[in-house]
Amino acid sequence: MRTPFILILLVLVLSSFHMQEAELSLRLEKGKEYRQTSHSNSTVIQHIEGQEMKIGIVIKGSIVFLVTAADNDQYELEARYENLGMSMQMPQGTMEFNSDDDNTQNIFSQIMAAIIDKPFKVIMGKKGQVIDVQNMEDLWDNVINQFDKVPEMQREQIKSQLMNSYGNKALKGNMEMITKIFPENAVSMGDEWAINTQLEAGMEASVDTKYKLTDIASDYVVINGNSTIATSDEEKYMEMGGMQLRYDIQGSMTSEIKVDKASGWIIEAKIDQKMKGHNYVKENSQIPNGMKIPMEIATQQVITN
C-alpha cells in the first residue's frame, strides 16, 4: 500500500511545481546600480550591380544604470556608458572605433571616449517598457562640438549618424528589445504572452514577440521569445552619409532570456536575428536613377549583467 501512496504524493508535488506562478516585473532598488553588457556580431550581405558585398560588424558596450528614484509604476535611472566599441570588416579593409583607443587620429574613437561616463536619463516602467530617454542629443552636441578642428558640415554628418544609433528614440527602442519582456499578469510554467516593440535605430521597424515562461528556479526564471520583424514604413526615407535611404525588410528573431527572480534584471540573454529585404537609395547627383540593393542581415547578440 505504501507504493501507491508515494506515487500519489509525487504526482501532487510535481503538479504543484508545474502550477507555480511567477509575478514577472522589475523590482529595482533605489540607490543601487545595475549593469548591462552587450556584444553583437552581424553579417550584412548586399548585392550591388551584380556584385556581392559582405560586411562584418561587431558592436560591444557596457552601460551602468543607477536607480535615482522609484515608485509603484516606474523608475528613474541615471545611465552612463562604461565602454563602447565597433569594428567593421569590409572588402576595402577593416575599421575599428573604441572608447579605449589611444589613437588621437581616430576621431570616432575620440568621440566614443568622450561619451564615457557622461550621464543621461532613462525612465523605465515596472514591466520593462522604456517610457523615455533624455539628454542624448545635448550630450552628443557637447561631445562633437569639442572637435572644433573638424569642419562643421562633417561634424553635423557625424552627429546625424550617431543619433541614428544612439539618439533618444534609437536607444529607447534598443533598450525595450531587451527589457520589455514581462507579462501584465502572473504566469505559470508554459504560459505565453505577446508584446510589441517599435525600433528606430537606423530604420523604423515593428517587432511582434510571443514570449513563453520555460523555467522557474529558486533564484531565476527563463523566458524564451519568438519574434517577427518588419519595417514600419517601407516608403519613408532617412538620411545617412549624405544620401536618402529607405528599407523594406522582414525577418525573425529567437531569444532566450535568464532573469533574476528578485530584481527582474536580466542575468543573460542570447538573441539570434535573421532579416532579408531591400535597401533603396533615392536618386541623387551621384546615382541619378537611384538604386535597389538586395540585402541579408544575420546577427547574434549576447547580453550579460
Protein backbone atom coordinates (compact mmCIF):
# COMPACT_ATOMS: atom_id res chain seq x y z
CA MET A 1 0.00 0.00 0.00
CA ARG A 2 2.95 2.29 0.51
CA THR A 3 3.94 2.47 -3.20
CA PRO A 4 0.63 3.91 -4.48
CA PHE A 5 0.69 6.49 -1.68
CA ILE A 6 4.24 7.59 -2.64
CA LEU A 7 3.23 7.81 -6.32
CA ILE A 8 0.20 9.95 -5.49
CA LEU A 9 2.34 12.22 -3.31
CA LEU A 10 4.91 12.56 -6.10
CA VAL A 11 2.22 13.47 -8.63
CA LEU A 12 0.82 16.09 -6.26
CA VAL A 13 4.29 17.60 -5.70
CA LEU A 14 5.04 17.70 -9.44
CA SER A 15 1.62 19.20 -10.20
CA SER A 16 2.20 21.87 -7.57
CA PHE A 17 5.58 22.66 -9.12
CA HIS A 18 4.19 22.99 -12.63
CA MET A 19 1.32 25.20 -11.40
CA GLN A 20 3.75 27.53 -9.63
CA GLU A 21 3.03 31.13 -10.65
CA ALA A 22 5.58 33.89 -11.12
CA GLU A 23 4.89 37.63 -10.98
CA LEU A 24 7.41 38.88 -13.53
CA SER A 25 8.41 42.54 -13.36
CA LEU A 26 11.27 44.83 -12.44
CA ARG A 27 11.86 45.32 -8.72
CA LEU A 28 14.87 47.62 -8.68
CA GLU A 29 16.28 49.21 -5.52
CA LYS A 30 16.80 52.96 -5.20
CA GLY A 31 20.49 53.80 -4.93
CA LYS A 32 21.61 50.52 -6.48
CA GLU A 33 23.45 50.10 -9.79
CA TYR A 34 22.52 47.57 -12.48
CA ARG A 35 24.77 46.73 -15.41
CA GLN A 36 24.08 45.64 -18.98
CA THR A 37 26.95 44.46 -21.19
CA SER A 38 26.25 43.69 -24.85
CA HIS A 39 28.26 42.02 -27.60
CA SER A 40 26.69 41.67 -31.06
CA ASN A 41 28.14 40.14 -34.20
CA SER A 42 26.41 40.92 -37.51
CA THR A 43 26.98 39.84 -41.08
CA VAL A 44 25.48 42.07 -43.78
CA ILE A 45 25.39 40.81 -47.37
CA GLN A 46 24.45 43.28 -50.11
CA HIS A 47 24.22 42.73 -53.85
CA ILE A 48 25.24 45.87 -55.73
CA GLU A 49 25.20 45.83 -59.54
CA GLY A 50 25.62 42.07 -59.58
CA GLN A 51 28.48 42.06 -57.07
CA GLU A 52 28.18 40.62 -53.57
CA MET A 53 29.48 42.80 -50.77
CA LYS A 54 29.90 41.18 -47.36
CA ILE A 55 30.37 43.31 -44.24
CA GLY A 56 31.07 42.05 -40.73
CA ILE A 57 30.07 44.35 -37.89
CA VAL A 58 30.91 43.86 -34.22
CA ILE A 59 29.37 46.23 -31.66
CA LYS A 60 30.11 46.00 -27.97
CA GLY A 61 29.41 48.18 -24.98
CA SER A 62 28.56 48.31 -21.32
CA ILE A 63 26.01 50.59 -19.65
CA VAL A 64 25.51 51.02 -15.92
CA PHE A 65 22.13 52.20 -14.59
CA LEU A 66 21.84 53.94 -11.21
CA VAL A 67 18.32 53.98 -9.77
CA THR A 68 17.76 57.57 -8.62
CA ALA A 69 14.01 57.32 -7.96
CA ALA A 70 11.43 54.55 -7.68
CA ASP A 71 7.67 54.48 -7.17
CA ASN A 72 4.91 51.95 -7.76
CA ASP A 73 4.85 52.36 -11.52
CA GLN A 74 8.27 53.39 -12.80
CA TYR A 75 11.95 54.04 -12.17
CA GLU A 76 14.21 56.98 -12.95
CA LEU A 77 17.65 55.76 -13.97
CA GLU A 78 20.89 57.65 -14.44
CA ALA A 79 22.61 55.75 -17.24
CA ARG A 80 26.18 56.05 -18.48
CA TYR A 81 28.39 54.12 -20.85
CA GLU A 82 31.41 52.42 -19.28
CA ASN A 83 32.87 51.42 -22.67
CA LEU A 84 31.80 51.43 -26.30
CA GLY A 85 33.32 49.99 -29.44
CA MET A 86 32.61 48.97 -33.02
CA SER A 87 34.55 47.29 -35.81
CA MET A 88 33.59 46.87 -39.47
CA GLN A 89 35.26 44.35 -41.75
CA MET A 90 34.69 45.28 -45.40
CA PRO A 91 36.25 44.27 -48.73
CA GLN A 92 38.24 47.52 -48.65
CA GLY A 93 39.65 46.76 -45.20
CA THR A 94 38.79 46.93 -41.51
CA MET A 95 37.76 49.97 -39.48
CA GLU A 96 37.77 49.96 -35.69
CA PHE A 97 36.46 52.52 -33.22
CA ASN A 98 36.85 52.02 -29.48
CA SER A 99 36.47 54.22 -26.42
CA ASP A 100 39.67 52.66 -25.03
CA ASP A 101 41.71 53.52 -28.14
CA ASP A 102 44.59 55.96 -27.52
CA ASN A 103 44.94 56.78 -31.23
CA THR A 104 44.41 60.53 -31.40
CA GLN A 105 43.99 60.39 -35.20
CA ASN A 106 40.85 58.25 -34.95
CA ILE A 107 38.06 60.79 -34.50
CA PHE A 108 35.32 58.19 -33.94
CA SER A 109 37.35 56.58 -31.16
CA GLN A 110 37.86 60.03 -29.64
CA ILE A 111 34.11 60.66 -29.77
CA MET A 112 33.38 57.32 -28.13
CA ALA A 113 35.95 58.06 -25.42
CA ALA A 114 34.35 61.47 -24.83
CA ILE A 115 30.91 59.89 -24.23
CA ILE A 116 32.15 57.54 -21.50
CA ASP A 117 30.79 58.30 -18.01
CA LYS A 118 28.55 61.11 -19.30
CA PRO A 119 25.14 60.56 -17.67
CA PHE A 120 21.80 60.52 -19.45
CA LYS A 121 18.34 59.81 -18.10
CA VAL A 122 16.15 56.76 -18.67
CA ILE A 123 12.60 56.39 -17.35
CA MET A 124 11.53 52.74 -17.23
CA GLY A 125 8.28 51.11 -16.21
CA LYS A 126 7.85 48.08 -13.95
CA LYS A 127 7.16 45.85 -16.94
CA GLY A 128 10.39 46.89 -18.65
CA GLN A 129 8.86 49.45 -21.02
CA VAL A 130 11.18 52.40 -21.69
CA ILE A 131 8.98 55.43 -21.21
CA ASP A 132 11.61 58.00 -22.16
CA VAL A 133 15.31 58.53 -22.84
CA GLN A 134 16.51 62.08 -22.25
CA ASN A 135 19.60 64.26 -22.81
CA MET A 136 21.29 62.21 -25.56
CA GLU A 137 21.04 64.94 -28.22
CA ASP A 138 22.53 67.56 -25.90
CA LEU A 139 25.16 65.07 -24.82
CA TRP A 140 26.23 64.34 -28.42
CA ASP A 141 26.19 68.09 -29.22
CA ASN A 142 28.57 68.82 -26.34
CA VAL A 143 30.86 65.95 -27.27
CA ILE A 144 31.07 66.64 -31.02
CA ASN A 145 31.49 70.40 -30.58
CA GLN A 146 34.73 69.70 -28.72
CA PHE A 147 36.27 68.78 -32.07
CA ASP A 148 36.34 72.32 -33.43
CA LYS A 149 39.12 71.47 -35.93
CA VAL A 150 36.66 69.23 -37.77
CA PRO A 151 34.62 71.17 -40.38
CA GLU A 152 31.09 71.98 -39.21
CA MET A 153 29.45 70.06 -42.09
CA GLN A 154 31.41 66.93 -41.18
CA ARG A 155 30.51 67.35 -37.51
CA GLU A 156 26.82 67.52 -38.43
CA GLN A 157 27.12 64.36 -40.53
CA ILE A 158 28.83 62.54 -37.66
CA LYS A 159 26.15 63.69 -35.24
CA SER A 160 23.39 62.56 -37.61
CA GLN A 161 24.92 59.08 -37.89
CA LEU A 162 25.37 58.80 -34.13
CA MET A 163 21.81 59.93 -33.43
CA ASN A 164 20.53 57.21 -35.77
CA SER A 165 22.10 54.59 -33.49
CA TYR A 166 22.46 56.32 -30.12
CA GLY A 167 19.85 59.08 -30.06
CA ASN A 168 16.90 59.25 -27.66
CA LYS A 169 14.48 57.36 -29.93
CA ALA A 170 17.06 54.83 -31.09
CA LEU A 171 18.13 53.95 -27.55
CA LYS A 172 14.52 53.73 -26.38
CA GLY A 173 13.73 51.01 -28.91
CA ASN A 174 17.03 49.16 -28.46
CA MET A 175 16.62 49.04 -24.68
CA GLU A 176 13.00 47.91 -24.91
CA MET A 177 14.04 44.99 -27.10
CA ILE A 178 15.84 43.65 -24.02
CA THR A 179 13.78 44.92 -21.09
CA LYS A 180 10.15 44.98 -22.32
CA ILE A 181 9.61 41.26 -21.86
CA PHE A 182 7.21 40.90 -18.93
CA PRO A 183 3.51 39.91 -18.99
CA GLU A 184 0.83 42.07 -17.38
CA ASN A 185 -0.31 39.25 -15.05
CA ALA A 186 1.27 36.41 -13.11
CA VAL A 187 2.17 33.40 -15.28
CA SER A 188 2.82 29.70 -14.78
CA MET A 189 5.25 27.35 -16.48
CA GLY A 190 4.47 27.15 -20.20
CA ASP A 191 2.29 30.28 -20.29
CA GLU A 192 2.69 32.61 -23.27
CA TRP A 193 2.12 36.34 -23.82
CA ALA A 194 2.59 38.82 -26.70
CA ILE A 195 4.50 42.12 -26.73
CA ASN A 196 5.11 44.70 -29.48
CA THR A 197 8.23 46.87 -29.65
CA GLN A 198 8.99 49.74 -32.02
CA LEU A 199 12.57 50.24 -33.23
CA GLU A 200 14.04 53.48 -34.59
CA ALA A 201 17.76 52.69 -34.76
CA GLY A 202 18.87 53.15 -38.35
CA MET A 203 15.45 52.12 -39.68
CA GLU A 204 11.97 52.08 -38.20
CA ALA A 205 10.66 48.57 -37.57
CA SER A 206 7.92 46.81 -35.63
CA VAL A 207 8.79 43.73 -33.58
CA ASP A 208 6.00 41.36 -32.51
CA THR A 209 7.14 38.79 -29.97
CA LYS A 210 5.48 35.82 -28.36
CA TYR A 211 7.20 35.07 -25.05
CA LYS A 212 6.96 31.83 -23.07
CA LEU A 213 7.96 31.01 -19.48
CA THR A 214 10.13 27.90 -19.82
CA ASP A 215 11.85 27.51 -16.44
CA ILE A 216 11.33 28.58 -12.83
CA ALA A 217 14.27 28.09 -10.47
CA SER A 218 14.82 29.24 -6.91
CA ASP A 219 16.61 32.45 -7.93
CA TYR A 220 15.88 32.93 -11.64
CA VAL A 221 13.37 32.31 -14.41
CA VAL A 222 13.94 31.64 -18.11
CA ILE A 223 11.86 33.30 -20.82
CA ASN A 224 12.00 32.28 -24.48
CA GLY A 225 10.86 34.53 -27.29
CA ASN A 226 9.96 34.14 -30.95
CA SER A 227 9.63 37.38 -32.92
CA THR A 228 8.67 38.65 -36.34
CA ILE A 229 10.27 41.89 -37.55
CA ALA A 230 9.17 44.17 -40.38
CA THR A 231 9.92 47.75 -41.38
CA SER A 232 7.13 50.04 -40.19
CA ASP A 233 7.02 52.33 -43.22
CA GLU A 234 8.89 50.98 -46.23
CA GLU A 235 8.23 54.23 -48.15
CA LYS A 236 9.92 56.51 -45.60
CA TYR A 237 13.40 57.80 -46.45
CA MET A 238 16.09 58.68 -43.93
CA GLU A 239 19.37 60.50 -44.40
CA MET A 240 22.59 58.58 -43.92
CA GLY A 241 26.04 59.53 -45.18
CA GLY A 242 24.60 62.35 -47.26
CA MET A 243 22.13 60.07 -49.09
CA GLN A 244 18.42 59.36 -48.73
CA LEU A 245 17.77 55.69 -47.91
CA ARG A 246 14.73 53.56 -47.19
CA TYR A 247 14.34 49.92 -46.19
CA ASP A 248 11.84 47.17 -46.94
CA ILE A 249 12.98 44.31 -44.71
CA GLN A 250 11.34 41.43 -42.85
CA GLY A 251 12.79 38.81 -40.56
CA SER A 252 12.61 36.71 -37.43
CA MET A 253 14.31 36.56 -34.06
CA THR A 254 14.66 33.99 -31.29
CA SER A 255 15.73 34.83 -27.76
CA GLU A 256 16.49 33.01 -24.53
CA ILE A 257 16.49 35.30 -21.50
CA LYS A 258 17.56 34.41 -17.96
CA VAL A 259 16.07 36.85 -15.45
CA ASP A 260 16.93 37.37 -11.79
CA LYS A 261 13.88 36.41 -9.76
CA ALA A 262 14.37 39.06 -7.08
CA SER A 263 15.11 42.16 -9.19
CA GLY A 264 13.76 41.24 -12.64
CA TRP A 265 17.08 42.36 -14.14
CA ILE A 266 18.49 40.25 -16.96
CA ILE A 267 21.30 37.90 -15.98
CA GLU A 268 21.95 36.70 -19.52
CA ALA A 269 20.23 36.89 -22.90
CA LYS A 270 21.08 35.15 -26.15
CA ILE A 271 19.49 36.58 -29.28
CA ASP A 272 19.60 35.30 -32.86
CA GLN A 273 18.18 37.52 -35.60
CA LYS A 274 17.81 36.99 -39.35
CA MET A 275 16.47 39.62 -41.77
CA LYS A 276 16.10 39.90 -45.53
CA GLY A 277 14.84 42.51 -47.97
CA HIS A 278 15.94 45.58 -49.92
CA ASN A 279 17.66 48.88 -49.30
CA TYR A 280 16.65 51.69 -51.68
CA VAL A 281 18.87 54.69 -52.45
CA LYS A 282 16.95 57.72 -53.65
CA GLU A 283 18.08 59.28 -56.93
CA ASN A 284 20.77 61.94 -56.45
CA SER A 285 23.60 63.61 -58.36
CA GLN A 286 25.85 60.58 -57.88
CA ILE A 287 23.12 57.98 -58.55
CA PRO A 288 20.68 59.68 -60.99
CA ASN A 289 18.42 56.64 -61.30
CA GLY A 290 18.52 55.60 -57.67
CA MET A 291 19.35 52.05 -56.63
CA LYS A 292 17.65 48.94 -55.28
CA ILE A 293 20.01 46.81 -53.17
CA PRO A 294 19.05 43.28 -52.06
CA MET A 295 20.40 42.59 -48.58
CA GLU A 296 20.52 39.98 -45.83
CA ILE A 297 21.42 40.57 -42.18
CA ALA A 298 22.25 37.92 -39.58
CA THR A 299 23.00 38.96 -36.00
CA GLN A 300 23.96 37.06 -32.88
CA GLN A 301 23.89 39.02 -29.64
CA VAL A 302 24.79 38.14 -26.07
CA ILE A 303 23.82 40.35 -23.15
CA THR A 304 25.06 39.84 -19.58
CA ASN A 305 24.90 41.73 -16.32
